[in-house]
Amino acid sequence: MEATGFVLAGGGSTRMGRDKALLPYRGTTLVKYVAAAVEQAAGRVVLIGDAKRYHGIGYPVYPDNVPPCGPMGGIYTALSVTATDWNLVVACDMPMLSAPLLRSLLQQASRTTAPCVAAAIGGRPEPLCAVYHRRCLPALARAIADHRFKMTRFLEDLQWDPVALGEPSALANVNTPAEWAIFENPPA
């Protein structure tokens, strides 16, 4: 199955106090680390964010077409610019993402009739670790027009297939310096 991978890097990082995407992580930056896992899984990766800020990362960058509506705008942008039907979309602030996990999402997408496949823990979807079919674009446009920006609610209204994860840490994200410290200096 042909797919495109997208990494959303358009957030304001207000709780972190600095750009989360550019945090140093495992010899690179967090966004490059996540993008490498996405590229291993999908074969190609595009960043959605500030083109001036991320131009030197080494991947194509598209600005968010519909700011400021949070991740929904980034996903809408990704589905607007993609050349493939299936699109893996992840947030840049998930340091525990792995290519095998992302490949499992893509494998499920190749077998489903649902327009979305999302990683799930306890039956709850993680909309920022999911595979979206381009046919989600009209539903996203309606949600944006109606100012319904909450992605978990969007998925509740959309037919989606889960890929159940046993370990919640696989989807851990970092929003604050305290959360980042756990990943920056892992316990021995």
N, C-alpha and C. Protein backbone atom coordinates (compact mmCIF):
# COMPACT_ATOMS: atom_id res chain seq x y z
N MET A 1 0.84 -1.18 0.00
CA MET A 1 0.00 0.00 0.00
C MET A 1 0.88 1.25 0.00
N GLU A 2 0.61 2.14 -0.89
CA GLU A 2 1.33 3.40 -0.94
C GLU A 2 0.73 4.37 0.08
N ALA A 3 1.59 5.02 0.85
CA ALA A 3 1.12 5.98 1.85
C ALA A 3 2.15 7.09 1.98
N THR A 4 1.70 8.21 2.52
CA THR A 4 2.59 9.32 2.84
C THR A 4 2.54 9.52 4.35
N GLY A 5 3.69 9.81 4.93
CA GLY A 5 3.75 10.10 6.35
C GLY A 5 3.84 11.58 6.59
N PHE A 6 3.12 12.04 7.60
CA PHE A 6 3.12 13.45 7.98
C PHE A 6 3.44 13.58 9.46
N VAL A 7 4.26 14.56 9.79
CA VAL A 7 4.54 14.89 11.18
C VAL A 7 4.04 16.30 11.42
N LEU A 8 3.14 16.42 12.39
CA LEU A 8 2.57 17.73 12.73
C LEU A 8 3.52 18.44 13.69
N ALA A 9 4.02 19.59 13.27
CA ALA A 9 4.94 20.37 14.09
C ALA A 9 4.49 21.82 14.17
N GLY A 10 3.20 22.04 14.17
CA GLY A 10 2.69 23.40 14.08
C GLY A 10 2.22 24.01 15.38
N GLY A 11 2.35 23.28 16.49
CA GLY A 11 1.85 23.81 17.75
C GLY A 11 2.70 24.95 18.29
N GLY A 12 2.14 25.66 19.25
CA GLY A 12 2.81 26.81 19.84
C GLY A 12 3.80 26.46 20.94
N SER A 13 3.75 25.24 21.47
CA SER A 13 4.64 24.80 22.55
C SER A 13 4.59 25.73 23.75
N THR A 14 3.42 26.30 24.04
CA THR A 14 3.33 27.28 25.12
C THR A 14 3.63 26.68 26.49
N ARG A 15 3.17 25.48 26.75
CA ARG A 15 3.45 24.87 28.05
C ARG A 15 4.92 24.47 28.18
N MET A 16 5.57 24.15 27.09
CA MET A 16 6.97 23.78 27.13
C MET A 16 7.86 25.01 27.29
N GLY A 17 7.43 26.13 26.73
CA GLY A 17 8.23 27.34 26.82
C GLY A 17 9.26 27.48 25.72
N ARG A 18 9.39 26.47 24.88
CA ARG A 18 10.26 26.51 23.71
C ARG A 18 9.73 25.49 22.71
N ASP A 19 10.23 25.55 21.50
CA ASP A 19 9.73 24.71 20.42
C ASP A 19 10.02 23.23 20.72
N LYS A 20 8.97 22.44 20.97
CA LYS A 20 9.14 21.02 21.27
C LYS A 20 9.81 20.28 20.12
N ALA A 21 9.47 20.63 18.92
CA ALA A 21 10.00 19.92 17.76
C ALA A 21 11.52 19.98 17.70
N LEU A 22 12.10 21.05 18.19
CA LEU A 22 13.55 21.24 18.08
C LEU A 22 14.31 20.83 19.34
N LEU A 23 13.64 20.19 20.29
CA LEU A 23 14.33 19.71 21.48
C LEU A 23 15.36 18.66 21.08
N PRO A 24 16.55 18.69 21.69
CA PRO A 24 17.56 17.68 21.35
C PRO A 24 17.13 16.31 21.90
N TYR A 25 17.23 15.30 21.04
CA TYR A 25 16.80 13.96 21.45
C TYR A 25 17.58 12.90 20.70
N ARG A 26 18.26 12.05 21.43
CA ARG A 26 18.99 10.91 20.89
C ARG A 26 19.89 11.28 19.71
N GLY A 27 20.64 12.36 19.88
CA GLY A 27 21.61 12.77 18.88
C GLY A 27 21.05 13.58 17.74
N THR A 28 19.79 13.94 17.80
CA THR A 28 19.17 14.74 16.75
C THR A 28 18.13 15.65 17.43
N THR A 29 17.11 16.04 16.72
CA THR A 29 16.01 16.78 17.34
C THR A 29 14.80 15.86 17.42
N LEU A 30 13.88 16.22 18.27
CA LEU A 30 12.69 15.39 18.45
C LEU A 30 11.93 15.23 17.14
N VAL A 31 11.76 16.30 16.39
CA VAL A 31 11.01 16.20 15.13
C VAL A 31 11.74 15.31 14.13
N LYS A 32 13.05 15.37 14.06
CA LYS A 32 13.80 14.52 13.13
C LYS A 32 13.74 13.06 13.58
N TYR A 33 13.76 12.83 14.87
CA TYR A 33 13.67 11.47 15.39
C TYR A 33 12.32 10.84 15.03
N VAL A 34 11.25 11.59 15.28
CA VAL A 34 9.91 11.11 14.95
C VAL A 34 9.76 10.96 13.44
N ALA A 35 10.26 11.93 12.68
CA ALA A 35 10.16 11.86 11.22
C ALA A 35 10.89 10.64 10.66
N ALA A 36 12.01 10.28 11.26
CA ALA A 36 12.75 9.09 10.80
C ALA A 36 11.91 7.83 11.00
N ALA A 37 11.21 7.72 12.13
CA ALA A 37 10.34 6.55 12.36
C ALA A 37 9.20 6.53 11.35
N VAL A 38 8.64 7.70 11.07
CA VAL A 38 7.55 7.80 10.09
C VAL A 38 8.06 7.42 8.70
N GLU A 39 9.24 7.90 8.35
CA GLU A 39 9.81 7.58 7.04
C GLU A 39 10.09 6.08 6.90
N GLN A 40 10.59 5.45 7.97
CA GLN A 40 10.83 4.01 7.93
C GLN A 40 9.53 3.25 7.70
N ALA A 41 8.44 3.73 8.28
CA ALA A 41 7.16 3.04 8.16
C ALA A 41 6.47 3.33 6.84
N ALA A 42 6.44 4.59 6.42
CA ALA A 42 5.65 4.99 5.26
C ALA A 42 6.46 5.18 3.99
N GLY A 43 7.77 5.31 4.12
CA GLY A 43 8.60 5.48 2.93
C GLY A 43 8.87 6.92 2.57
N ARG A 44 8.07 7.81 3.04
CA ARG A 44 8.28 9.24 2.80
C ARG A 44 7.62 10.03 3.92
N VAL A 45 8.12 11.23 4.15
CA VAL A 45 7.58 12.04 5.24
C VAL A 45 7.58 13.51 4.85
N VAL A 46 6.54 14.19 5.32
CA VAL A 46 6.36 15.62 5.10
C VAL A 46 6.04 16.24 6.46
N LEU A 47 6.59 17.41 6.72
CA LEU A 47 6.27 18.12 7.96
C LEU A 47 5.18 19.14 7.69
N ILE A 48 4.28 19.28 8.65
CA ILE A 48 3.27 20.35 8.61
C ILE A 48 3.64 21.31 9.73
N GLY A 49 4.00 22.52 9.36
CA GLY A 49 4.43 23.51 10.36
C GLY A 49 4.98 24.74 9.67
N ASP A 50 5.74 25.51 10.42
CA ASP A 50 6.32 26.75 9.94
C ASP A 50 7.50 26.45 9.01
N ALA A 51 7.34 26.75 7.74
CA ALA A 51 8.38 26.44 6.75
C ALA A 51 9.69 27.16 7.06
N LYS A 52 9.63 28.37 7.59
CA LYS A 52 10.86 29.10 7.91
C LYS A 52 11.60 28.41 9.06
N ARG A 53 10.87 27.93 10.03
CA ARG A 53 11.48 27.31 11.21
C ARG A 53 12.07 25.94 10.89
N TYR A 54 11.40 25.17 10.02
CA TYR A 54 11.78 23.78 9.81
C TYR A 54 12.40 23.50 8.44
N HIS A 55 12.74 24.54 7.68
CA HIS A 55 13.28 24.33 6.33
C HIS A 55 14.57 23.53 6.32
N GLY A 56 15.38 23.60 7.36
CA GLY A 56 16.65 22.91 7.38
C GLY A 56 16.60 21.50 7.93
N ILE A 57 15.43 20.99 8.22
CA ILE A 57 15.28 19.66 8.83
C ILE A 57 15.58 18.56 7.82
N GLY A 58 15.36 18.81 6.54
CA GLY A 58 15.65 17.80 5.52
C GLY A 58 14.41 17.14 4.94
N TYR A 59 13.25 17.64 5.28
CA TYR A 59 12.00 17.10 4.75
C TYR A 59 11.17 18.25 4.17
N PRO A 60 10.30 17.95 3.22
CA PRO A 60 9.39 19.00 2.74
C PRO A 60 8.53 19.51 3.90
N VAL A 61 8.23 20.80 3.87
CA VAL A 61 7.43 21.42 4.92
C VAL A 61 6.29 22.21 4.27
N TYR A 62 5.08 21.97 4.76
CA TYR A 62 3.91 22.74 4.33
C TYR A 62 3.36 23.48 5.52
N PRO A 63 3.03 24.75 5.34
CA PRO A 63 2.40 25.48 6.45
C PRO A 63 0.97 25.00 6.66
N ASP A 64 0.52 25.10 7.88
CA ASP A 64 -0.85 24.75 8.22
C ASP A 64 -1.80 25.67 7.46
N ASN A 65 -2.71 25.10 6.67
CA ASN A 65 -3.64 25.89 5.84
C ASN A 65 -4.72 26.59 6.63
N VAL A 66 -5.06 26.07 7.80
CA VAL A 66 -6.21 26.61 8.53
C VAL A 66 -5.89 26.86 10.01
N PRO A 67 -4.88 27.66 10.29
CA PRO A 67 -4.64 27.97 11.69
C PRO A 67 -5.72 28.92 12.18
N PRO A 68 -6.04 29.06 13.38
CA PRO A 68 -5.51 28.31 14.52
C PRO A 68 -6.55 27.31 15.05
N CYS A 69 -6.67 26.17 14.46
CA CYS A 69 -7.64 25.19 14.97
C CYS A 69 -6.95 23.92 15.45
N GLY A 70 -5.69 24.05 15.82
CA GLY A 70 -4.98 22.94 16.42
C GLY A 70 -4.66 21.83 15.43
N PRO A 71 -4.50 20.62 15.96
CA PRO A 71 -4.11 19.49 15.11
C PRO A 71 -5.07 19.22 13.96
N MET A 72 -6.34 19.54 14.14
CA MET A 72 -7.30 19.30 13.05
C MET A 72 -6.87 20.05 11.79
N GLY A 73 -6.39 21.27 11.95
CA GLY A 73 -5.93 22.03 10.80
C GLY A 73 -4.72 21.39 10.14
N GLY A 74 -3.83 20.84 10.96
CA GLY A 74 -2.67 20.14 10.40
C GLY A 74 -3.05 18.91 9.62
N ILE A 75 -4.00 18.15 10.14
CA ILE A 75 -4.46 16.95 9.44
C ILE A 75 -5.18 17.34 8.16
N TYR A 76 -6.01 18.39 8.23
CA TYR A 76 -6.68 18.89 7.03
C TYR A 76 -5.65 19.29 5.98
N THR A 77 -4.61 20.00 6.40
CA THR A 77 -3.55 20.40 5.48
C THR A 77 -2.89 19.18 4.85
N ALA A 78 -2.55 18.19 5.68
CA ALA A 78 -1.90 16.98 5.18
C ALA A 78 -2.75 16.31 4.10
N LEU A 79 -4.05 16.16 4.38
CA LEU A 79 -4.92 15.50 3.42
C LEU A 79 -5.18 16.36 2.19
N SER A 80 -4.96 17.67 2.31
CA SER A 80 -5.12 18.57 1.17
C SER A 80 -3.93 18.52 0.21
N VAL A 81 -2.74 18.22 0.75
CA VAL A 81 -1.53 18.27 -0.09
C VAL A 81 -1.04 16.88 -0.51
N THR A 82 -1.61 15.83 0.05
CA THR A 82 -1.09 14.50 -0.22
C THR A 82 -1.38 14.03 -1.64
N ALA A 83 -0.53 13.14 -2.12
CA ALA A 83 -0.74 12.51 -3.42
C ALA A 83 -1.20 11.06 -3.24
N THR A 84 -1.35 10.61 -1.99
CA THR A 84 -1.74 9.22 -1.74
C THR A 84 -3.08 9.17 -1.01
N ASP A 85 -3.78 8.05 -1.17
CA ASP A 85 -5.06 7.90 -0.48
C ASP A 85 -4.87 7.77 1.03
N TRP A 86 -3.92 6.93 1.46
CA TRP A 86 -3.68 6.70 2.89
C TRP A 86 -2.53 7.55 3.38
N ASN A 87 -2.71 8.11 4.60
CA ASN A 87 -1.74 9.06 5.13
C ASN A 87 -1.55 8.86 6.62
N LEU A 88 -0.34 8.51 6.99
CA LEU A 88 0.03 8.34 8.38
C LEU A 88 0.31 9.72 8.96
N VAL A 89 -0.37 10.04 10.06
CA VAL A 89 -0.23 11.36 10.69
C VAL A 89 0.14 11.17 12.15
N VAL A 90 1.25 11.80 12.56
CA VAL A 90 1.67 11.73 13.96
C VAL A 90 2.07 13.12 14.43
N ALA A 91 2.04 13.28 15.75
CA ALA A 91 2.51 14.52 16.36
C ALA A 91 4.02 14.45 16.55
N CYS A 92 4.66 15.60 16.53
CA CYS A 92 6.12 15.65 16.66
C CYS A 92 6.59 15.43 18.09
N ASP A 93 5.67 15.41 19.04
CA ASP A 93 6.08 15.36 20.45
C ASP A 93 5.86 14.00 21.10
N MET A 94 5.99 12.94 20.31
CA MET A 94 5.79 11.57 20.80
C MET A 94 7.11 10.80 20.67
N PRO A 95 8.02 10.93 21.65
CA PRO A 95 9.35 10.35 21.50
C PRO A 95 9.42 8.83 21.52
N MET A 96 8.37 8.15 21.92
CA MET A 96 8.41 6.69 22.00
C MET A 96 7.85 6.01 20.75
N LEU A 97 7.45 6.79 19.75
CA LEU A 97 6.94 6.18 18.53
C LEU A 97 8.03 5.35 17.87
N SER A 98 7.61 4.26 17.26
CA SER A 98 8.56 3.39 16.57
C SER A 98 8.02 3.03 15.20
N ALA A 99 8.93 2.71 14.31
CA ALA A 99 8.53 2.29 12.97
C ALA A 99 7.65 1.05 13.00
N PRO A 100 7.94 0.02 13.83
CA PRO A 100 7.05 -1.15 13.86
C PRO A 100 5.61 -0.80 14.27
N LEU A 101 5.46 0.06 15.26
CA LEU A 101 4.11 0.49 15.66
C LEU A 101 3.41 1.18 14.49
N LEU A 102 4.11 2.08 13.84
CA LEU A 102 3.51 2.82 12.73
C LEU A 102 3.19 1.91 11.56
N ARG A 103 4.06 0.92 11.31
CA ARG A 103 3.77 -0.05 10.25
C ARG A 103 2.51 -0.86 10.57
N SER A 104 2.28 -1.17 11.84
CA SER A 104 1.07 -1.92 12.20
C SER A 104 -0.18 -1.11 11.88
N LEU A 105 -0.11 0.20 12.04
CA LEU A 105 -1.25 1.05 11.66
C LEU A 105 -1.48 0.99 10.14
N LEU A 106 -0.40 1.09 9.39
CA LEU A 106 -0.52 1.04 7.93
C LEU A 106 -1.02 -0.32 7.45
N GLN A 107 -0.57 -1.39 8.09
CA GLN A 107 -1.05 -2.73 7.72
C GLN A 107 -2.55 -2.85 7.95
N GLN A 108 -3.02 -2.33 9.09
CA GLN A 108 -4.47 -2.37 9.36
C GLN A 108 -5.23 -1.52 8.33
N ALA A 109 -4.66 -0.39 7.96
CA ALA A 109 -5.31 0.46 6.97
C ALA A 109 -5.46 -0.26 5.63
N SER A 110 -4.51 -1.11 5.29
CA SER A 110 -4.58 -1.83 4.02
C SER A 110 -5.68 -2.88 4.02
N ARG A 111 -6.20 -3.22 5.20
CA ARG A 111 -7.22 -4.27 5.30
C ARG A 111 -8.62 -3.75 5.64
N THR A 112 -8.77 -2.47 5.87
CA THR A 112 -10.03 -1.95 6.38
C THR A 112 -10.84 -1.22 5.32
N THR A 113 -12.12 -1.07 5.60
CA THR A 113 -12.96 -0.20 4.79
C THR A 113 -13.21 1.12 5.51
N ALA A 114 -12.78 1.20 6.76
CA ALA A 114 -12.94 2.43 7.54
C ALA A 114 -12.03 3.52 6.98
N PRO A 115 -12.40 4.79 7.13
CA PRO A 115 -11.57 5.87 6.61
C PRO A 115 -10.40 6.25 7.53
N CYS A 116 -10.33 5.61 8.71
CA CYS A 116 -9.27 5.95 9.65
C CYS A 116 -8.90 4.73 10.48
N VAL A 117 -7.62 4.60 10.76
CA VAL A 117 -7.09 3.59 11.67
C VAL A 117 -6.26 4.35 12.69
N ALA A 118 -6.55 4.14 13.96
CA ALA A 118 -5.83 4.88 15.01
C ALA A 118 -5.28 3.93 16.06
N ALA A 119 -4.11 4.29 16.58
CA ALA A 119 -3.59 3.58 17.75
C ALA A 119 -4.59 3.81 18.88
N ALA A 120 -4.78 2.79 19.71
CA ALA A 120 -5.77 2.90 20.78
C ALA A 120 -5.24 2.23 22.05
N ILE A 121 -5.56 2.83 23.15
CA ILE A 121 -5.26 2.25 24.46
C ILE A 121 -6.57 2.25 25.23
N GLY A 122 -6.95 1.06 25.68
CA GLY A 122 -8.21 0.95 26.41
C GLY A 122 -9.42 1.35 25.58
N GLY A 123 -9.35 1.15 24.28
CA GLY A 123 -10.47 1.48 23.41
C GLY A 123 -10.56 2.94 23.02
N ARG A 124 -9.67 3.77 23.54
CA ARG A 124 -9.68 5.21 23.21
C ARG A 124 -8.65 5.49 22.11
N PRO A 125 -9.07 6.21 21.08
CA PRO A 125 -8.15 6.47 19.96
C PRO A 125 -7.14 7.56 20.29
N GLU A 126 -6.00 7.46 19.66
CA GLU A 126 -5.02 8.55 19.67
C GLU A 126 -5.02 9.13 18.25
N PRO A 127 -5.76 10.22 18.05
CA PRO A 127 -5.90 10.77 16.70
C PRO A 127 -4.62 11.33 16.11
N LEU A 128 -3.59 11.51 16.93
CA LEU A 128 -2.32 12.02 16.41
C LEU A 128 -1.29 10.91 16.26
N CYS A 129 -1.79 9.70 16.18
CA CYS A 129 -1.00 8.53 15.79
C CYS A 129 -1.97 7.65 15.03
N ALA A 130 -2.26 8.06 13.80
CA ALA A 130 -3.34 7.44 13.05
C ALA A 130 -3.06 7.52 11.55
N VAL A 131 -3.81 6.71 10.82
CA VAL A 131 -3.74 6.71 9.36
C VAL A 131 -5.11 7.18 8.86
N TYR A 132 -5.10 8.22 8.05
CA TYR A 132 -6.33 8.81 7.53
C TYR A 132 -6.38 8.62 6.02
N HIS A 133 -7.55 8.22 5.54
CA HIS A 133 -7.78 8.17 4.10
C HIS A 133 -8.17 9.58 3.64
N ARG A 134 -7.83 9.89 2.41
CA ARG A 134 -8.18 11.21 1.87
C ARG A 134 -9.66 11.50 1.92
N ARG A 135 -10.47 10.45 1.95
CA ARG A 135 -11.92 10.70 1.97
C ARG A 135 -12.38 11.29 3.30
N CYS A 136 -11.50 11.44 4.28
CA CYS A 136 -11.83 12.14 5.54
C CYS A 136 -11.86 13.66 5.34
N LEU A 137 -11.33 14.13 4.24
CA LEU A 137 -11.20 15.57 4.02
C LEU A 137 -12.53 16.33 4.12
N PRO A 138 -13.62 15.88 3.49
CA PRO A 138 -14.88 16.63 3.64
C PRO A 138 -15.39 16.67 5.09
N ALA A 139 -15.23 15.59 5.83
CA ALA A 139 -15.67 15.58 7.23
C ALA A 139 -14.81 16.54 8.06
N LEU A 140 -13.52 16.60 7.77
CA LEU A 140 -12.66 17.56 8.46
C LEU A 140 -13.07 18.99 8.12
N ALA A 141 -13.37 19.25 6.85
CA ALA A 141 -13.79 20.59 6.44
C ALA A 141 -15.06 21.01 7.17
N ARG A 142 -16.02 20.07 7.30
CA ARG A 142 -17.26 20.39 8.04
C ARG A 142 -16.98 20.67 9.50
N ALA A 143 -16.15 19.86 10.12
CA ALA A 143 -15.82 20.07 11.54
C ALA A 143 -15.14 21.42 11.74
N ILE A 144 -14.23 21.78 10.85
CA ILE A 144 -13.56 23.07 10.95
C ILE A 144 -14.56 24.20 10.77
N ALA A 145 -15.42 24.10 9.77
CA ALA A 145 -16.43 25.14 9.54
C ALA A 145 -17.35 25.31 10.74
N ASP A 146 -17.63 24.21 11.44
CA ASP A 146 -18.50 24.25 12.62
C ASP A 146 -17.74 24.53 13.91
N HIS A 147 -16.44 24.79 13.82
CA HIS A 147 -15.58 25.05 14.98
C HIS A 147 -15.59 23.90 15.98
N ARG A 148 -15.63 22.68 15.47
CA ARG A 148 -15.54 21.47 16.30
C ARG A 148 -14.13 20.92 16.11
N PHE A 149 -13.18 21.43 16.88
CA PHE A 149 -11.77 21.15 16.66
C PHE A 149 -11.22 19.97 17.45
N LYS A 150 -11.98 19.43 18.36
CA LYS A 150 -11.47 18.36 19.21
C LYS A 150 -11.36 17.06 18.40
N MET A 151 -10.14 16.57 18.24
CA MET A 151 -9.90 15.41 17.39
C MET A 151 -10.49 14.12 17.95
N THR A 152 -10.48 13.92 19.24
CA THR A 152 -11.06 12.69 19.78
C THR A 152 -12.56 12.65 19.48
N ARG A 153 -13.22 13.79 19.56
CA ARG A 153 -14.64 13.86 19.22
C ARG A 153 -14.85 13.60 17.73
N PHE A 154 -13.96 14.12 16.92
CA PHE A 154 -14.05 13.90 15.48
C PHE A 154 -13.99 12.40 15.18
N LEU A 155 -13.06 11.70 15.81
CA LEU A 155 -12.96 10.26 15.57
C LEU A 155 -14.16 9.51 16.11
N GLU A 156 -14.75 9.98 17.20
CA GLU A 156 -15.96 9.33 17.72
C GLU A 156 -17.09 9.39 16.69
N ASP A 157 -17.13 10.48 15.94
CA ASP A 157 -18.17 10.65 14.91
C ASP A 157 -17.82 9.97 13.60
N LEU A 158 -16.58 9.57 13.45
CA LEU A 158 -16.08 8.96 12.23
C LEU A 158 -15.91 7.46 12.47
N GLN A 159 -16.16 6.67 11.47
CA GLN A 159 -15.87 5.25 11.61
C GLN A 159 -14.36 5.08 11.60
N TRP A 160 -13.82 4.40 12.62
CA TRP A 160 -12.38 4.19 12.69
C TRP A 160 -12.10 2.79 13.23
N ASP A 161 -10.98 2.25 12.83
CA ASP A 161 -10.52 0.95 13.31
C ASP A 161 -9.40 1.17 14.30
N PRO A 162 -9.42 0.46 15.43
CA PRO A 162 -8.33 0.59 16.40
C PRO A 162 -7.20 -0.40 16.13
N VAL A 163 -6.01 0.00 16.49
CA VAL A 163 -4.89 -0.91 16.63
C VAL A 163 -4.54 -0.83 18.11
N ALA A 164 -4.94 -1.85 18.84
CA ALA A 164 -4.80 -1.83 20.29
C ALA A 164 -3.34 -1.94 20.70
N LEU A 165 -2.96 -1.07 21.63
CA LEU A 165 -1.62 -1.09 22.19
C LEU A 165 -1.72 -1.49 23.65
N GLY A 166 -0.86 -2.36 24.07
CA GLY A 166 -0.87 -2.76 25.47
C GLY A 166 -0.13 -1.79 26.37
N GLU A 167 0.85 -1.11 25.82
CA GLU A 167 1.71 -0.24 26.61
C GLU A 167 1.44 1.23 26.29
N PRO A 168 0.83 1.97 27.25
CA PRO A 168 0.51 3.37 26.99
C PRO A 168 1.72 4.26 26.71
N SER A 169 2.90 3.86 27.19
CA SER A 169 4.07 4.71 27.00
C SER A 169 4.43 4.89 25.52
N ALA A 170 3.98 3.97 24.66
CA ALA A 170 4.26 4.09 23.23
C ALA A 170 3.68 5.38 22.65
N LEU A 171 2.62 5.89 23.30
CA LEU A 171 1.97 7.10 22.80
C LEU A 171 2.22 8.32 23.69
N ALA A 172 3.16 8.20 24.60
CA ALA A 172 3.46 9.32 25.50
C ALA A 172 3.87 10.54 24.68
N ASN A 173 3.35 11.69 25.10
CA ASN A 173 3.79 12.92 24.47
C ASN A 173 4.32 13.86 25.54
N VAL A 174 5.06 14.84 25.10
CA VAL A 174 5.68 15.78 26.03
C VAL A 174 5.14 17.18 25.78
N ASN A 175 4.65 17.77 26.84
CA ASN A 175 4.09 19.12 26.74
C ASN A 175 4.73 20.11 27.69
N THR A 176 5.38 19.62 28.73
CA THR A 176 5.95 20.50 29.75
C THR A 176 7.42 20.15 29.99
N PRO A 177 8.18 21.06 30.57
CA PRO A 177 9.57 20.72 30.90
C PRO A 177 9.67 19.51 31.83
N ALA A 178 8.74 19.35 32.76
CA ALA A 178 8.78 18.19 33.66
C ALA A 178 8.58 16.89 32.88
N GLU A 179 7.64 16.88 31.93
CA GLU A 179 7.44 15.68 31.11
C GLU A 179 8.67 15.42 30.23
N TRP A 180 9.26 16.48 29.72
CA TRP A 180 10.43 16.32 28.87
C TRP A 180 11.61 15.76 29.65
N ALA A 181 11.76 16.15 30.90
CA ALA A 181 12.88 15.68 31.72
C ALA A 181 12.91 14.16 31.81
N ILE A 182 11.76 13.53 31.78
CA ILE A 182 11.69 12.06 31.83
C ILE A 182 12.37 11.45 30.61
N PHE A 183 12.19 12.06 29.46
CA PHE A 183 12.77 11.54 28.22
C PHE A 183 14.19 12.03 28.01
N GLU A 184 14.44 13.24 28.45
CA GLU A 184 15.77 13.82 28.28
C GLU A 184 16.80 13.09 29.15
N ASN A 185 16.40 12.72 30.35
CA ASN A 185 17.28 12.02 31.29
C ASN A 185 16.55 10.79 31.83
N PRO A 186 16.44 9.74 31.02
CA PRO A 186 15.68 8.58 31.47
C PRO A 186 16.32 7.94 32.71
N PRO A 187 15.50 7.36 33.60
CA PRO A 187 16.05 6.71 34.77
C PRO A 187 16.93 5.52 34.36
N ALA A 188 17.95 5.28 35.16
CA ALA A 188 18.89 4.18 34.85
C ALA A 188 18.27 2.83 35.12
